Every structure is written in structure tokens, then in C-alpha cells.
Amino acid sequence: MLDGAKIESDVGRLKILHASHLSRRYALEDKILKEYPPPGRSSG
């Protein structure tokens, strides 16, 4: 039973880390697109 609790704890921690990773990734993608717009597009 203790192993199951440890696994659930680890899964919860990994879900939080995954969400943090995605948040940082999307923030970086937004920053890149704002600073380096694709050719042929204006920056706004």
C-alpha cells in the first residue's frame, strides 16, 4: 500500500513538472514570435 501512495505522489509531481514545462515552452514560443516574426509578416 505504501508503494501505491509513493507512485501516486510521483505521478502528481510529474504532472506538475509537465505543466510547468509546457508553460515555459509556450512562453518562449510567444517571445520568439514577437521578437522574430516570420518573414513576410509585420510584428503588429
PDB file of N, CA and C in Angstrom:
ATOM      1  N   MET A   1       0.830  -1.198   0.000  1.00  0.00           N
ATOM      2  CA  MET A   1       0.000   0.000   0.000  1.00  0.00           C
ATOM      3  C   MET A   1       0.871   1.258   0.000  1.00  0.00           C
ATOM      4  N   LEU A   2       1.981   1.207   0.686  1.00  0.00           N
ATOM      5  CA  LEU A   2       2.875   2.355   0.739  1.00  0.00           C
ATOM      6  C   LEU A   2       3.459   2.658  -0.641  1.00  0.00           C
ATOM      7  N   ASP A   3       3.757   1.615  -1.420  1.00  0.00           N
ATOM      8  CA  ASP A   3       4.286   1.811  -2.762  1.00  0.00           C
ATOM      9  C   ASP A   3       3.263   2.529  -3.649  1.00  0.00           C
ATOM     10  N   GLY A   4       2.003   2.199  -3.505  1.00  0.00           N
ATOM     11  CA  GLY A   4       0.957   2.851  -4.295  1.00  0.00           C
ATOM     12  C   GLY A   4       0.882   4.331  -3.989  1.00  0.00           C
ATOM     13  N   ALA A   5       1.021   4.693  -2.726  1.00  0.00           N
ATOM     14  CA  ALA A   5       0.998   6.103  -2.342  1.00  0.00           C
ATOM     15  C   ALA A   5       2.210   6.826  -2.915  1.00  0.00           C
ATOM     16  N   LYS A   6       3.356   6.164  -2.897  1.00  0.00           N
ATOM     17  CA  LYS A   6       4.579   6.761  -3.450  1.00  0.00           C
ATOM     18  C   LYS A   6       4.412   6.982  -4.949  1.00  0.00           C
ATOM     19  N   ILE A   7       3.838   6.008  -5.639  1.00  0.00           N
ATOM     20  CA  ILE A   7       3.632   6.136  -7.083  1.00  0.00           C
ATOM     21  C   ILE A   7       2.672   7.287  -7.372  1.00  0.00           C
ATOM     22  N   GLU A   8       1.587   7.368  -6.631  1.00  0.00           N
ATOM     23  CA  GLU A   8       0.627   8.458  -6.832  1.00  0.00           C
ATOM     24  C   GLU A   8       1.282   9.812  -6.587  1.00  0.00           C
ATOM     25  N   SER A   9       2.122   9.878  -5.563  1.00  0.00           N
ATOM     26  CA  SER A   9       2.838  11.115  -5.265  1.00  0.00           C
ATOM     27  C   SER A   9       3.775  11.487  -6.413  1.00  0.00           C
ATOM     28  N   ASP A  10       4.500  10.489  -6.909  1.00  0.00           N
ATOM     29  CA  ASP A  10       5.423  10.729  -8.024  1.00  0.00           C
ATOM     30  C   ASP A  10       4.676  11.163  -9.283  1.00  0.00           C
ATOM     31  N   VAL A  11       3.552  10.532  -9.554  1.00  0.00           N
ATOM     32  CA  VAL A  11       2.759  10.895 -10.731  1.00  0.00           C
ATOM     33  C   VAL A  11       2.261  12.334 -10.598  1.00  0.00           C
ATOM     34  N   GLY A  12       1.798  12.704  -9.432  1.00  0.00           N
ATOM     35  CA  GLY A  12       1.349  14.081  -9.202  1.00  0.00           C
ATOM     36  C   GLY A  12       2.474  15.080  -9.411  1.00  0.00           C
ATOM     37  N   ARG A  13       3.654  14.739  -8.910  1.00  0.00           N
ATOM     38  CA  ARG A  13       4.822  15.617  -9.072  1.00  0.00           C
ATOM     39  C   ARG A  13       5.179  15.745 -10.550  1.00  0.00           C
ATOM     40  N   LEU A  14       5.148  14.632 -11.275  1.00  0.00           N
ATOM     41  CA  LEU A  14       5.467  14.675 -12.700  1.00  0.00           C
ATOM     42  C   LEU A  14       4.435  15.484 -13.490  1.00  0.00           C
ATOM     43  N   LYS A  15       3.172  15.398 -13.111  1.00  0.00           N
ATOM     44  CA  LYS A  15       2.141  16.194 -13.791  1.00  0.00           C
ATOM     45  C   LYS A  15       2.402  17.678 -13.595  1.00  0.00           C
ATOM     46  N   ILE A  16       2.805  18.069 -12.379  1.00  0.00           N
ATOM     47  CA  ILE A  16       3.120  19.473 -12.098  1.00  0.00           C
ATOM     48  C   ILE A  16       4.336  19.912 -12.915  1.00  0.00           C
ATOM     49  N   LEU A  17       5.359  19.074 -12.952  1.00  0.00           N
ATOM     50  CA  LEU A  17       6.553  19.401 -13.732  1.00  0.00           C
ATOM     51  C   LEU A  17       6.222  19.526 -15.222  1.00  0.00           C
ATOM     52  N   HIS A  18       5.365  18.649 -15.716  1.00  0.00           N
ATOM     53  CA  HIS A  18       4.962  18.679 -17.118  1.00  0.00           C
ATOM     54  C   HIS A  18       4.222  19.983 -17.434  1.00  0.00           C
ATOM     55  N   ALA A  19       3.302  20.360 -16.560  1.00  0.00           N
ATOM     56  CA  ALA A  19       2.549  21.598 -16.772  1.00  0.00           C
ATOM     57  C   ALA A  19       3.494  22.799 -16.752  1.00  0.00           C
ATOM     58  N   SER A  20       4.449  22.800 -15.850  1.00  0.00           N
ATOM     59  CA  SER A  20       5.425  23.886 -15.778  1.00  0.00           C
ATOM     60  C   SER A  20       6.264  23.942 -17.055  1.00  0.00           C
ATOM     61  N   HIS A  21       6.673  22.788 -17.521  1.00  0.00           N
ATOM     62  CA  HIS A  21       7.462  22.712 -18.757  1.00  0.00           C
ATOM     63  C   HIS A  21       6.688  23.283 -19.937  1.00  0.00           C
ATOM     64  N   LEU A  22       5.432  22.874 -20.077  1.00  0.00           N
ATOM     65  CA  LEU A  22       4.617  23.371 -21.184  1.00  0.00           C
ATOM     66  C   LEU A  22       4.420  24.880 -21.090  1.00  0.00           C
ATOM     67  N   SER A  23       4.197  25.377 -19.883  1.00  0.00           N
ATOM     68  CA  SER A  23       4.006  26.812 -19.689  1.00  0.00           C
ATOM     69  C   SER A  23       5.244  27.583 -20.127  1.00  0.00           C
ATOM     70  N   ARG A  24       6.410  27.106 -19.720  1.00  0.00           N
ATOM     71  CA  ARG A  24       7.652  27.766 -20.118  1.00  0.00           C
ATOM     72  C   ARG A  24       7.870  27.671 -21.624  1.00  0.00           C
ATOM     73  N   ARG A  25       7.556  26.522 -22.185  1.00  0.00           N
ATOM     74  CA  ARG A  25       7.732  26.329 -23.633  1.00  0.00           C
ATOM     75  C   ARG A  25       6.864  27.313 -24.411  1.00  0.00           C
ATOM     76  N   TYR A  26       5.587  27.409 -24.047  1.00  0.00           N
ATOM     77  CA  TYR A  26       4.691  28.300 -24.771  1.00  0.00           C
ATOM     78  C   TYR A  26       5.083  29.764 -24.568  1.00  0.00           C
ATOM     79  N   ALA A  27       5.562  30.111 -23.375  1.00  0.00           N
ATOM     80  CA  ALA A  27       6.017  31.472 -23.132  1.00  0.00           C
ATOM     81  C   ALA A  27       7.217  31.802 -24.016  1.00  0.00           C
ATOM     82  N   LEU A  28       8.129  30.863 -24.147  1.00  0.00           N
ATOM     83  CA  LEU A  28       9.294  31.079 -25.015  1.00  0.00           C
ATOM     84  C   LEU A  28       8.880  31.172 -26.478  1.00  0.00           C
ATOM     85  N   GLU A  29       7.938  30.328 -26.901  1.00  0.00           N
ATOM     86  CA  GLU A  29       7.467  30.392 -28.284  1.00  0.00           C
ATOM     87  C   GLU A  29       6.840  31.752 -28.573  1.00  0.00           C
ATOM     88  N   ASP A  30       6.035  32.262 -27.625  1.00  0.00           N
ATOM     89  CA  ASP A  30       5.419  33.571 -27.807  1.00  0.00           C
ATOM     90  C   ASP A  30       6.486  34.662 -27.905  1.00  0.00           C
ATOM     91  N   LYS A  31       7.485  34.581 -27.035  1.00  0.00           N
ATOM     92  CA  LYS A  31       8.558  35.573 -27.047  1.00  0.00           C
ATOM     93  C   LYS A  31       9.318  35.540 -28.371  1.00  0.00           C
ATOM     94  N   ILE A  32       9.607  34.350 -28.855  1.00  0.00           N
ATOM     95  CA  ILE A  32      10.320  34.210 -30.123  1.00  0.00           C
ATOM     96  C   ILE A  32       9.500  34.807 -31.265  1.00  0.00           C
ATOM     97  N   LEU A  33       8.216  34.503 -31.300  1.00  0.00           N
ATOM     98  CA  LEU A  33       7.375  35.010 -32.385  1.00  0.00           C
ATOM     99  C   LEU A  33       7.250  36.532 -32.341  1.00  0.00           C
ATOM    100  N   LYS A  34       7.276  37.113 -31.140  1.00  0.00           N
ATOM    101  CA  LYS A  34       7.183  38.570 -31.023  1.00  0.00           C
ATOM    102  C   LYS A  34       8.493  39.235 -31.433  1.00  0.00           C
ATOM    103  N   GLU A  35       9.620  38.639 -31.064  1.00  0.00           N
ATOM    104  CA  GLU A  35      10.912  39.243 -31.352  1.00  0.00           C
ATOM    105  C   GLU A  35      11.410  38.912 -32.758  1.00  0.00           C
ATOM    106  N   TYR A  36      11.034  37.747 -33.272  1.00  0.00           N
ATOM    107  CA  TYR A  36      11.477  37.312 -34.590  1.00  0.00           C
ATOM    108  C   TYR A  36      10.279  36.835 -35.401  1.00  0.00           C
ATOM    109  N   PRO A  37       9.476  37.786 -35.891  1.00  0.00           N
ATOM    110  CA  PRO A  37       8.293  37.363 -36.657  1.00  0.00           C
ATOM    111  C   PRO A  37       8.702  36.627 -37.932  1.00  0.00           C
ATOM    112  N   PRO A  38       7.863  35.725 -38.386  1.00  0.00           N
ATOM    113  CA  PRO A  38       8.165  35.000 -39.637  1.00  0.00           C
ATOM    114  C   PRO A  38       8.310  35.991 -40.799  1.00  0.00           C
ATOM    115  N   PRO A  39       9.122  35.665 -41.787  1.00  0.00           N
ATOM    116  CA  PRO A  39       9.283  36.553 -42.943  1.00  0.00           C
ATOM    117  C   PRO A  39       7.942  36.831 -43.618  1.00  0.00           C
ATOM    118  N   GLY A  40       7.744  38.090 -44.002  1.00  0.00           N
ATOM    119  CA  GLY A  40       6.526  38.450 -44.691  1.00  0.00           C
ATOM    120  C   GLY A  40       5.394  38.879 -43.773  1.00  0.00           C
ATOM    121  N   ARG A  41       5.649  38.871 -42.486  1.00  0.00           N
ATOM    122  CA  ARG A  41       4.607  39.312 -41.532  1.00  0.00           C
ATOM    123  C   ARG A  41       5.129  40.475 -40.717  1.00  0.00           C
ATOM    124  N   SER A  42       4.241  41.391 -40.403  1.00  0.00           N
ATOM    125  CA  SER A  42       4.653  42.522 -39.569  1.00  0.00           C
ATOM    126  C   SER A  42       4.541  42.132 -38.101  1.00  0.00           C
ATOM    127  N   SER A  43       5.246  42.844 -37.239  1.00  0.00           N
ATOM    128  CA  SER A  43       5.250  42.489 -35.812  1.00  0.00           C
ATOM    129  C   SER A  43       4.074  43.107 -35.081  1.00  0.00           C
ATOM    130  N   GLY A  44       3.180  43.772 -35.768  1.00  0.00           N
ATOM    131  CA  GLY A  44       1.981  44.251 -35.133  1.00  0.00           C
ATOM    132  C   GLY A  44       1.903  45.690 -35.132  1.00  0.00           C
TER     133      GLY A  44
END
